[in-house]
Amino acid sequence: MSQFTKNKELDNVLSSGVSTTQYRAYSTAFDQRRSLNASGVVVVNTTARTYAADGAYGIADYYPLTVNATGLLQVNIRDQNSCGDVIILDSTGAEVMTASPSKFSSRANSVTTQRIGSSGTYYTYIQLRGRSGAEYRIGIDVIEA
């Protein structure tokens, strides 16, 4: 599963305190983004943009993706704050799916799936409702079915 974060670590680290140098070395700073590739979905970081304002998508983080499989495209939004919808477009610019975060809890997982019939280039917009205060941890994967 490819992962995207803003002001968060890539994976959850639960600890009773920040007492070791390892946790301090991997702590996040203001407005820091990270991404992690997976075999099914590869992030094209060279053309990714932050605070992109592309028409109807509002202020968003933009990540081009290379999807290497067909099946169920899954978006998992978790640990979010001031994060809007995650919109995925295909190579022609047509909307494939929109995943919305939980309206009730910032810690709840919100999983959305959509069947895709072709691999190739896709584009992701992660909408930001608050510029500096936005946080998210999002996973995108293709489950072959």
N, C-alpha and C. Protein backbone atom coordinates (compact mmCIF):
# COMPACT_ATOMS: atom_id res chain seq x y z
N MET A 1 0.84 -1.17 0.00
CA MET A 1 0.00 0.00 0.00
C MET A 1 0.89 1.24 0.00
N SER A 2 0.71 2.10 -0.99
CA SER A 2 1.40 3.38 -1.00
C SER A 2 0.79 4.25 0.08
N GLN A 3 1.63 5.05 0.72
CA GLN A 3 1.16 5.90 1.80
C GLN A 3 1.54 7.34 1.55
N PHE A 4 0.66 8.26 1.98
CA PHE A 4 0.90 9.69 1.91
C PHE A 4 0.65 10.27 3.28
N THR A 5 1.53 11.14 3.74
CA THR A 5 1.30 11.80 5.02
C THR A 5 1.62 13.28 4.91
N LYS A 6 0.93 14.04 5.73
CA LYS A 6 1.26 15.46 5.94
C LYS A 6 1.27 15.68 7.44
N ASN A 7 2.39 16.14 7.95
CA ASN A 7 2.60 16.39 9.39
C ASN A 7 2.37 15.13 10.23
N LYS A 8 2.62 13.97 9.66
CA LYS A 8 2.49 12.69 10.36
C LYS A 8 3.62 11.78 9.92
N GLU A 9 3.88 10.77 10.74
CA GLU A 9 4.83 9.72 10.34
C GLU A 9 4.14 8.82 9.32
N LEU A 10 4.94 8.06 8.56
CA LEU A 10 4.35 7.14 7.60
C LEU A 10 3.56 6.04 8.28
N ASP A 11 4.06 5.51 9.38
CA ASP A 11 3.35 4.47 10.13
C ASP A 11 3.16 4.94 11.56
N ASN A 12 2.10 4.47 12.19
CA ASN A 12 1.86 4.83 13.58
C ASN A 12 2.96 4.27 14.46
N VAL A 13 3.44 5.07 15.39
CA VAL A 13 4.39 4.61 16.39
C VAL A 13 3.80 4.96 17.75
N LEU A 14 3.36 3.94 18.46
CA LEU A 14 2.79 4.17 19.78
C LEU A 14 3.89 3.99 20.81
N SER A 15 4.09 4.98 21.64
CA SER A 15 5.09 4.88 22.70
C SER A 15 4.59 5.64 23.91
N SER A 16 5.16 5.34 25.05
CA SER A 16 4.71 6.01 26.27
C SER A 16 5.34 7.39 26.42
N GLY A 17 6.33 7.67 25.61
CA GLY A 17 6.97 8.98 25.70
C GLY A 17 8.01 9.11 24.61
N VAL A 18 8.52 10.30 24.45
CA VAL A 18 9.54 10.55 23.45
C VAL A 18 10.87 10.61 24.19
N SER A 19 11.37 9.44 24.56
CA SER A 19 12.57 9.41 25.40
C SER A 19 13.79 8.89 24.68
N THR A 20 13.60 8.26 23.53
CA THR A 20 14.77 7.73 22.83
C THR A 20 15.11 8.61 21.63
N THR A 21 16.34 8.56 21.19
CA THR A 21 16.76 9.39 20.06
C THR A 21 16.09 8.94 18.77
N GLN A 22 15.69 7.67 18.68
CA GLN A 22 15.05 7.20 17.46
C GLN A 22 13.75 7.96 17.20
N TYR A 23 12.93 8.15 18.23
CA TYR A 23 11.66 8.85 18.03
C TYR A 23 11.88 10.31 17.71
N ARG A 24 12.89 10.92 18.29
CA ARG A 24 13.17 12.33 17.99
C ARG A 24 13.71 12.48 16.57
N ALA A 25 14.51 11.54 16.12
CA ALA A 25 15.10 11.64 14.78
C ALA A 25 14.05 11.52 13.69
N TYR A 26 12.96 10.81 13.95
CA TYR A 26 11.93 10.60 12.93
C TYR A 26 10.67 11.43 13.18
N SER A 27 10.77 12.45 14.01
CA SER A 27 9.60 13.28 14.29
C SER A 27 9.33 14.19 13.10
N THR A 28 8.10 14.64 13.00
CA THR A 28 7.72 15.47 11.87
C THR A 28 7.84 16.94 12.21
N ALA A 29 8.02 17.75 11.21
CA ALA A 29 8.10 19.19 11.36
C ALA A 29 6.90 19.82 10.69
N PHE A 30 6.75 21.11 10.82
CA PHE A 30 5.64 21.82 10.24
C PHE A 30 5.63 21.68 8.72
N ASP A 31 4.49 21.36 8.16
CA ASP A 31 4.27 21.28 6.72
C ASP A 31 5.18 20.25 6.04
N GLN A 32 5.40 19.15 6.69
CA GLN A 32 6.25 18.10 6.14
C GLN A 32 5.38 17.00 5.52
N ARG A 33 5.75 16.60 4.32
CA ARG A 33 5.03 15.54 3.62
C ARG A 33 5.96 14.39 3.33
N ARG A 34 5.41 13.19 3.39
CA ARG A 34 6.19 11.99 3.07
C ARG A 34 5.32 11.07 2.22
N SER A 35 5.97 10.30 1.38
CA SER A 35 5.24 9.28 0.62
C SER A 35 6.07 8.02 0.56
N LEU A 36 5.40 6.91 0.40
CA LEU A 36 6.04 5.60 0.37
C LEU A 36 5.41 4.81 -0.77
N ASN A 37 6.23 4.24 -1.63
CA ASN A 37 5.74 3.46 -2.76
C ASN A 37 5.42 2.03 -2.37
N ALA A 38 4.56 1.42 -3.14
CA ALA A 38 4.27 -0.01 -3.02
C ALA A 38 4.31 -0.60 -4.43
N SER A 39 4.20 -1.91 -4.51
CA SER A 39 4.33 -2.55 -5.83
C SER A 39 3.13 -2.25 -6.73
N GLY A 40 1.94 -2.15 -6.17
CA GLY A 40 0.75 -1.92 -6.99
C GLY A 40 0.55 -0.48 -7.39
N VAL A 41 0.99 0.45 -6.54
CA VAL A 41 0.80 1.88 -6.79
C VAL A 41 2.13 2.58 -6.51
N VAL A 42 2.67 3.25 -7.53
CA VAL A 42 3.96 3.94 -7.39
C VAL A 42 3.71 5.44 -7.50
N VAL A 43 4.24 6.20 -6.56
CA VAL A 43 4.08 7.65 -6.54
C VAL A 43 5.15 8.29 -7.43
N VAL A 44 4.73 9.20 -8.28
CA VAL A 44 5.67 9.93 -9.14
C VAL A 44 5.99 11.25 -8.43
N ASN A 45 6.98 11.22 -7.54
CA ASN A 45 7.29 12.39 -6.71
C ASN A 45 7.86 13.56 -7.49
N THR A 46 8.43 13.32 -8.65
CA THR A 46 9.08 14.40 -9.39
C THR A 46 8.09 15.46 -9.86
N THR A 47 6.83 15.10 -10.07
CA THR A 47 5.84 16.08 -10.51
C THR A 47 4.74 16.33 -9.47
N ALA A 48 4.94 15.86 -8.24
CA ALA A 48 3.98 16.11 -7.18
C ALA A 48 4.04 17.60 -6.80
N ARG A 49 2.89 18.14 -6.36
CA ARG A 49 2.83 19.54 -5.97
C ARG A 49 2.09 19.67 -4.66
N THR A 50 2.47 20.66 -3.87
CA THR A 50 1.75 20.95 -2.64
C THR A 50 0.98 22.25 -2.82
N TYR A 51 -0.15 22.34 -2.17
CA TYR A 51 -1.03 23.50 -2.25
C TYR A 51 -1.38 23.84 -3.69
N ALA A 52 -1.61 22.82 -4.50
CA ALA A 52 -2.02 23.04 -5.89
C ALA A 52 -3.44 23.60 -5.88
N ALA A 53 -3.72 24.51 -6.77
CA ALA A 53 -5.06 25.09 -6.88
C ALA A 53 -5.53 24.89 -8.32
N ASP A 54 -5.99 23.68 -8.62
CA ASP A 54 -6.38 23.32 -9.98
C ASP A 54 -7.90 23.32 -10.12
N GLY A 55 -8.46 24.46 -10.36
CA GLY A 55 -9.88 24.57 -10.66
C GLY A 55 -10.80 24.06 -9.58
N ALA A 56 -11.61 23.08 -9.91
CA ALA A 56 -12.68 22.59 -9.04
C ALA A 56 -12.17 21.83 -7.82
N TYR A 57 -10.89 21.51 -7.77
CA TYR A 57 -10.38 20.68 -6.67
C TYR A 57 -9.92 21.51 -5.48
N GLY A 58 -9.93 22.81 -5.60
CA GLY A 58 -9.55 23.68 -4.49
C GLY A 58 -8.08 23.55 -4.13
N ILE A 59 -7.74 23.96 -2.91
CA ILE A 59 -6.37 23.82 -2.43
C ILE A 59 -6.16 22.36 -2.09
N ALA A 60 -5.15 21.74 -2.71
CA ALA A 60 -4.95 20.30 -2.55
C ALA A 60 -3.49 19.93 -2.75
N ASP A 61 -3.11 18.81 -2.18
CA ASP A 61 -1.82 18.19 -2.50
C ASP A 61 -2.06 17.28 -3.70
N TYR A 62 -1.18 17.36 -4.67
CA TYR A 62 -1.36 16.66 -5.94
C TYR A 62 -0.24 15.63 -6.09
N TYR A 63 -0.62 14.37 -6.33
CA TYR A 63 0.33 13.29 -6.52
C TYR A 63 -0.04 12.49 -7.77
N PRO A 64 0.81 12.47 -8.80
CA PRO A 64 0.59 11.53 -9.91
C PRO A 64 0.97 10.12 -9.46
N LEU A 65 0.23 9.14 -9.95
CA LEU A 65 0.46 7.74 -9.57
C LEU A 65 0.64 6.90 -10.82
N THR A 66 1.43 5.85 -10.70
CA THR A 66 1.49 4.81 -11.71
C THR A 66 0.89 3.56 -11.08
N VAL A 67 -0.25 3.13 -11.60
CA VAL A 67 -0.94 1.95 -11.08
C VAL A 67 -0.53 0.77 -11.94
N ASN A 68 0.03 -0.27 -11.30
CA ASN A 68 0.60 -1.41 -12.01
C ASN A 68 -0.30 -2.64 -12.05
N ALA A 69 -1.53 -2.52 -11.60
CA ALA A 69 -2.42 -3.68 -11.58
C ALA A 69 -3.85 -3.21 -11.77
N THR A 70 -4.74 -4.13 -12.07
CA THR A 70 -6.16 -3.83 -12.15
C THR A 70 -6.87 -4.58 -11.03
N GLY A 71 -8.05 -4.16 -10.72
CA GLY A 71 -8.81 -4.77 -9.63
C GLY A 71 -9.52 -3.69 -8.85
N LEU A 72 -9.51 -3.81 -7.52
CA LEU A 72 -10.17 -2.83 -6.67
C LEU A 72 -9.16 -1.80 -6.20
N LEU A 73 -9.37 -0.55 -6.56
CA LEU A 73 -8.56 0.56 -6.06
C LEU A 73 -9.12 0.95 -4.70
N GLN A 74 -8.27 0.92 -3.68
CA GLN A 74 -8.71 1.17 -2.31
C GLN A 74 -8.00 2.40 -1.75
N VAL A 75 -8.77 3.30 -1.16
CA VAL A 75 -8.23 4.48 -0.50
C VAL A 75 -8.63 4.41 0.97
N ASN A 76 -7.63 4.48 1.87
CA ASN A 76 -7.85 4.41 3.30
C ASN A 76 -7.38 5.72 3.92
N ILE A 77 -8.32 6.54 4.41
CA ILE A 77 -8.01 7.81 5.06
C ILE A 77 -8.07 7.58 6.57
N ARG A 78 -6.99 7.90 7.27
CA ARG A 78 -6.96 7.72 8.72
C ARG A 78 -6.14 8.83 9.36
N ASP A 79 -6.35 9.05 10.62
CA ASP A 79 -5.62 10.06 11.39
C ASP A 79 -5.58 11.39 10.65
N GLN A 80 -6.73 11.93 10.37
CA GLN A 80 -6.80 13.16 9.59
C GLN A 80 -7.34 14.31 10.42
N ASN A 81 -6.93 15.50 10.03
CA ASN A 81 -7.45 16.73 10.63
C ASN A 81 -7.47 17.79 9.53
N SER A 82 -8.60 18.37 9.28
CA SER A 82 -8.77 19.38 8.22
C SER A 82 -8.42 18.84 6.85
N CYS A 83 -8.64 17.55 6.67
CA CYS A 83 -8.40 16.92 5.37
C CYS A 83 -9.74 16.77 4.67
N GLY A 84 -9.75 17.13 3.41
CA GLY A 84 -10.98 17.00 2.63
C GLY A 84 -11.02 15.69 1.88
N ASP A 85 -11.72 15.68 0.78
CA ASP A 85 -11.86 14.48 -0.03
C ASP A 85 -10.55 14.13 -0.73
N VAL A 86 -10.40 12.85 -1.04
CA VAL A 86 -9.31 12.36 -1.88
C VAL A 86 -9.94 12.01 -3.22
N ILE A 87 -9.54 12.71 -4.26
CA ILE A 87 -10.13 12.54 -5.58
C ILE A 87 -9.10 11.91 -6.49
N ILE A 88 -9.48 10.82 -7.16
CA ILE A 88 -8.57 10.13 -8.07
C ILE A 88 -9.12 10.23 -9.48
N LEU A 89 -8.26 10.67 -10.40
CA LEU A 89 -8.62 10.83 -11.81
C LEU A 89 -7.81 9.83 -12.64
N ASP A 90 -8.36 9.42 -13.78
CA ASP A 90 -7.60 8.54 -14.67
C ASP A 90 -6.75 9.39 -15.61
N SER A 91 -6.09 8.75 -16.57
CA SER A 91 -5.16 9.46 -17.45
C SER A 91 -5.84 10.47 -18.36
N THR A 92 -7.16 10.33 -18.58
CA THR A 92 -7.88 11.28 -19.42
C THR A 92 -8.42 12.46 -18.62
N GLY A 93 -8.29 12.42 -17.29
CA GLY A 93 -8.81 13.48 -16.43
C GLY A 93 -10.21 13.22 -15.93
N ALA A 94 -10.76 12.03 -16.24
CA ALA A 94 -12.10 11.68 -15.75
C ALA A 94 -12.00 11.18 -14.31
N GLU A 95 -12.96 11.56 -13.48
CA GLU A 95 -12.94 11.17 -12.08
C GLU A 95 -13.25 9.68 -11.95
N VAL A 96 -12.36 8.97 -11.27
CA VAL A 96 -12.54 7.54 -11.02
C VAL A 96 -13.27 7.31 -9.71
N MET A 97 -12.86 8.05 -8.67
CA MET A 97 -13.49 7.90 -7.37
C MET A 97 -13.21 9.10 -6.49
N THR A 98 -14.07 9.27 -5.49
CA THR A 98 -13.87 10.27 -4.45
C THR A 98 -14.02 9.57 -3.11
N ALA A 99 -13.00 9.69 -2.27
CA ALA A 99 -13.04 9.11 -0.93
C ALA A 99 -13.13 10.25 0.07
N SER A 100 -14.06 10.14 1.01
CA SER A 100 -14.25 11.20 2.00
C SER A 100 -13.82 10.71 3.37
N PRO A 101 -13.18 11.57 4.17
CA PRO A 101 -12.80 11.18 5.53
C PRO A 101 -14.03 11.08 6.43
N SER A 102 -13.86 10.43 7.56
CA SER A 102 -14.95 10.30 8.52
C SER A 102 -15.40 11.67 9.01
N LYS A 103 -16.72 11.86 9.10
CA LYS A 103 -17.27 13.12 9.60
C LYS A 103 -17.36 13.12 11.12
N PHE A 104 -17.19 11.96 11.73
CA PHE A 104 -17.44 11.83 13.16
C PHE A 104 -16.19 11.78 14.01
N SER A 105 -15.07 11.28 13.46
CA SER A 105 -13.86 11.15 14.26
C SER A 105 -12.63 11.33 13.39
N SER A 106 -11.65 12.03 13.89
CA SER A 106 -10.39 12.21 13.15
C SER A 106 -9.53 10.96 13.20
N ARG A 107 -9.85 10.01 14.08
CA ARG A 107 -9.06 8.79 14.21
C ARG A 107 -9.70 7.59 13.50
N ALA A 108 -10.92 7.75 13.01
CA ALA A 108 -11.59 6.63 12.36
C ALA A 108 -11.03 6.39 10.96
N ASN A 109 -10.93 5.12 10.58
CA ASN A 109 -10.53 4.78 9.21
C ASN A 109 -11.73 4.93 8.30
N SER A 110 -11.50 5.52 7.14
CA SER A 110 -12.53 5.65 6.13
C SER A 110 -12.00 4.97 4.87
N VAL A 111 -12.57 3.81 4.53
CA VAL A 111 -12.08 3.03 3.40
C VAL A 111 -13.10 3.09 2.27
N THR A 112 -12.61 3.44 1.06
CA THR A 112 -13.45 3.51 -0.13
C THR A 112 -12.79 2.69 -1.22
N THR A 113 -13.58 1.91 -1.95
CA THR A 113 -13.04 1.09 -3.03
C THR A 113 -13.80 1.36 -4.32
N GLN A 114 -13.10 1.17 -5.42
CA GLN A 114 -13.70 1.31 -6.75
C GLN A 114 -12.95 0.39 -7.70
N ARG A 115 -13.66 -0.36 -8.51
CA ARG A 115 -13.02 -1.26 -9.49
C ARG A 115 -12.45 -0.45 -10.64
N ILE A 116 -11.20 -0.73 -10.99
CA ILE A 116 -10.57 -0.09 -12.14
C ILE A 116 -10.22 -1.18 -13.15
N GLY A 117 -10.38 -0.86 -14.42
CA GLY A 117 -10.18 -1.85 -15.46
C GLY A 117 -8.87 -1.72 -16.21
N SER A 118 -8.10 -0.69 -15.90
CA SER A 118 -6.84 -0.53 -16.62
C SER A 118 -5.76 0.01 -15.70
N SER A 119 -4.55 -0.40 -15.95
CA SER A 119 -3.41 0.14 -15.22
C SER A 119 -2.91 1.35 -15.98
N GLY A 120 -1.95 2.06 -15.42
CA GLY A 120 -1.38 3.23 -16.09
C GLY A 120 -1.28 4.41 -15.17
N THR A 121 -1.42 5.60 -15.74
CA THR A 121 -1.25 6.84 -15.00
C THR A 121 -2.58 7.29 -14.40
N TYR A 122 -2.53 7.65 -13.12
CA TYR A 122 -3.68 8.20 -12.40
C TYR A 122 -3.19 9.44 -11.65
N TYR A 123 -4.13 10.29 -11.25
CA TYR A 123 -3.78 11.52 -10.57
C TYR A 123 -4.60 11.62 -9.29
N THR A 124 -3.96 12.05 -8.20
CA THR A 124 -4.62 12.14 -6.90
C THR A 124 -4.59 13.56 -6.38
N TYR A 125 -5.75 14.05 -5.97
CA TYR A 125 -5.84 15.33 -5.27
C TYR A 125 -6.31 15.04 -3.85
N ILE A 126 -5.53 15.49 -2.87
CA ILE A 126 -5.91 15.39 -1.47
C ILE A 126 -6.27 16.79 -1.02
N GLN A 127 -7.57 17.05 -0.89
CA GLN A 127 -8.03 18.40 -0.58
C GLN A 127 -7.69 18.78 0.86
N LEU A 128 -7.29 20.04 1.03
CA LEU A 128 -6.91 20.57 2.34
C LEU A 128 -7.91 21.63 2.75
N ARG A 129 -8.58 21.42 3.87
CA ARG A 129 -9.56 22.40 4.35
C ARG A 129 -8.87 23.51 5.15
N GLY A 130 -7.76 23.18 5.77
CA GLY A 130 -6.96 24.17 6.49
C GLY A 130 -5.53 24.06 6.02
N ARG A 131 -4.92 25.14 5.64
CA ARG A 131 -3.58 25.06 5.06
C ARG A 131 -2.56 24.53 6.06
N SER A 132 -2.32 25.25 7.14
CA SER A 132 -1.24 24.85 8.04
C SER A 132 -1.66 23.76 9.01
N GLY A 133 -2.94 23.72 9.37
CA GLY A 133 -3.39 22.76 10.36
C GLY A 133 -3.77 21.41 9.81
N ALA A 134 -3.72 21.23 8.50
CA ALA A 134 -4.15 19.97 7.91
C ALA A 134 -3.15 18.86 8.20
N GLU A 135 -3.67 17.71 8.58
CA GLU A 135 -2.86 16.51 8.80
C GLU A 135 -3.60 15.34 8.18
N TYR A 136 -2.84 14.38 7.64
CA TYR A 136 -3.48 13.17 7.14
C TYR A 136 -2.48 12.04 7.03
N ARG A 137 -3.02 10.84 7.03
CA ARG A 137 -2.29 9.61 6.74
C ARG A 137 -3.21 8.81 5.82
N ILE A 138 -2.80 8.66 4.56
CA ILE A 138 -3.66 8.06 3.55
C ILE A 138 -2.91 6.90 2.87
N GLY A 139 -3.59 5.79 2.71
CA GLY A 139 -3.03 4.64 2.00
C GLY A 139 -3.83 4.39 0.73
N ILE A 140 -3.13 4.14 -0.37
CA ILE A 140 -3.78 3.83 -1.65
C ILE A 140 -3.17 2.53 -2.17
N ASP A 141 -4.03 1.59 -2.53
CA ASP A 141 -3.55 0.28 -2.97
C ASP A 141 -4.53 -0.29 -3.99
N VAL A 142 -4.04 -1.24 -4.76
CA VAL A 142 -4.89 -1.99 -5.68
C VAL A 142 -4.94 -3.43 -5.18
N ILE A 143 -6.16 -3.91 -4.95
CA ILE A 143 -6.36 -5.29 -4.51
C ILE A 143 -6.83 -6.06 -5.73
N GLU A 144 -6.04 -6.99 -6.18
CA GLU A 144 -6.42 -7.75 -7.38
C GLU A 144 -7.57 -8.66 -7.05
N ALA A 145 -8.61 -8.56 -7.85
CA ALA A 145 -9.81 -9.38 -7.59
C ALA A 145 -10.26 -10.06 -8.85
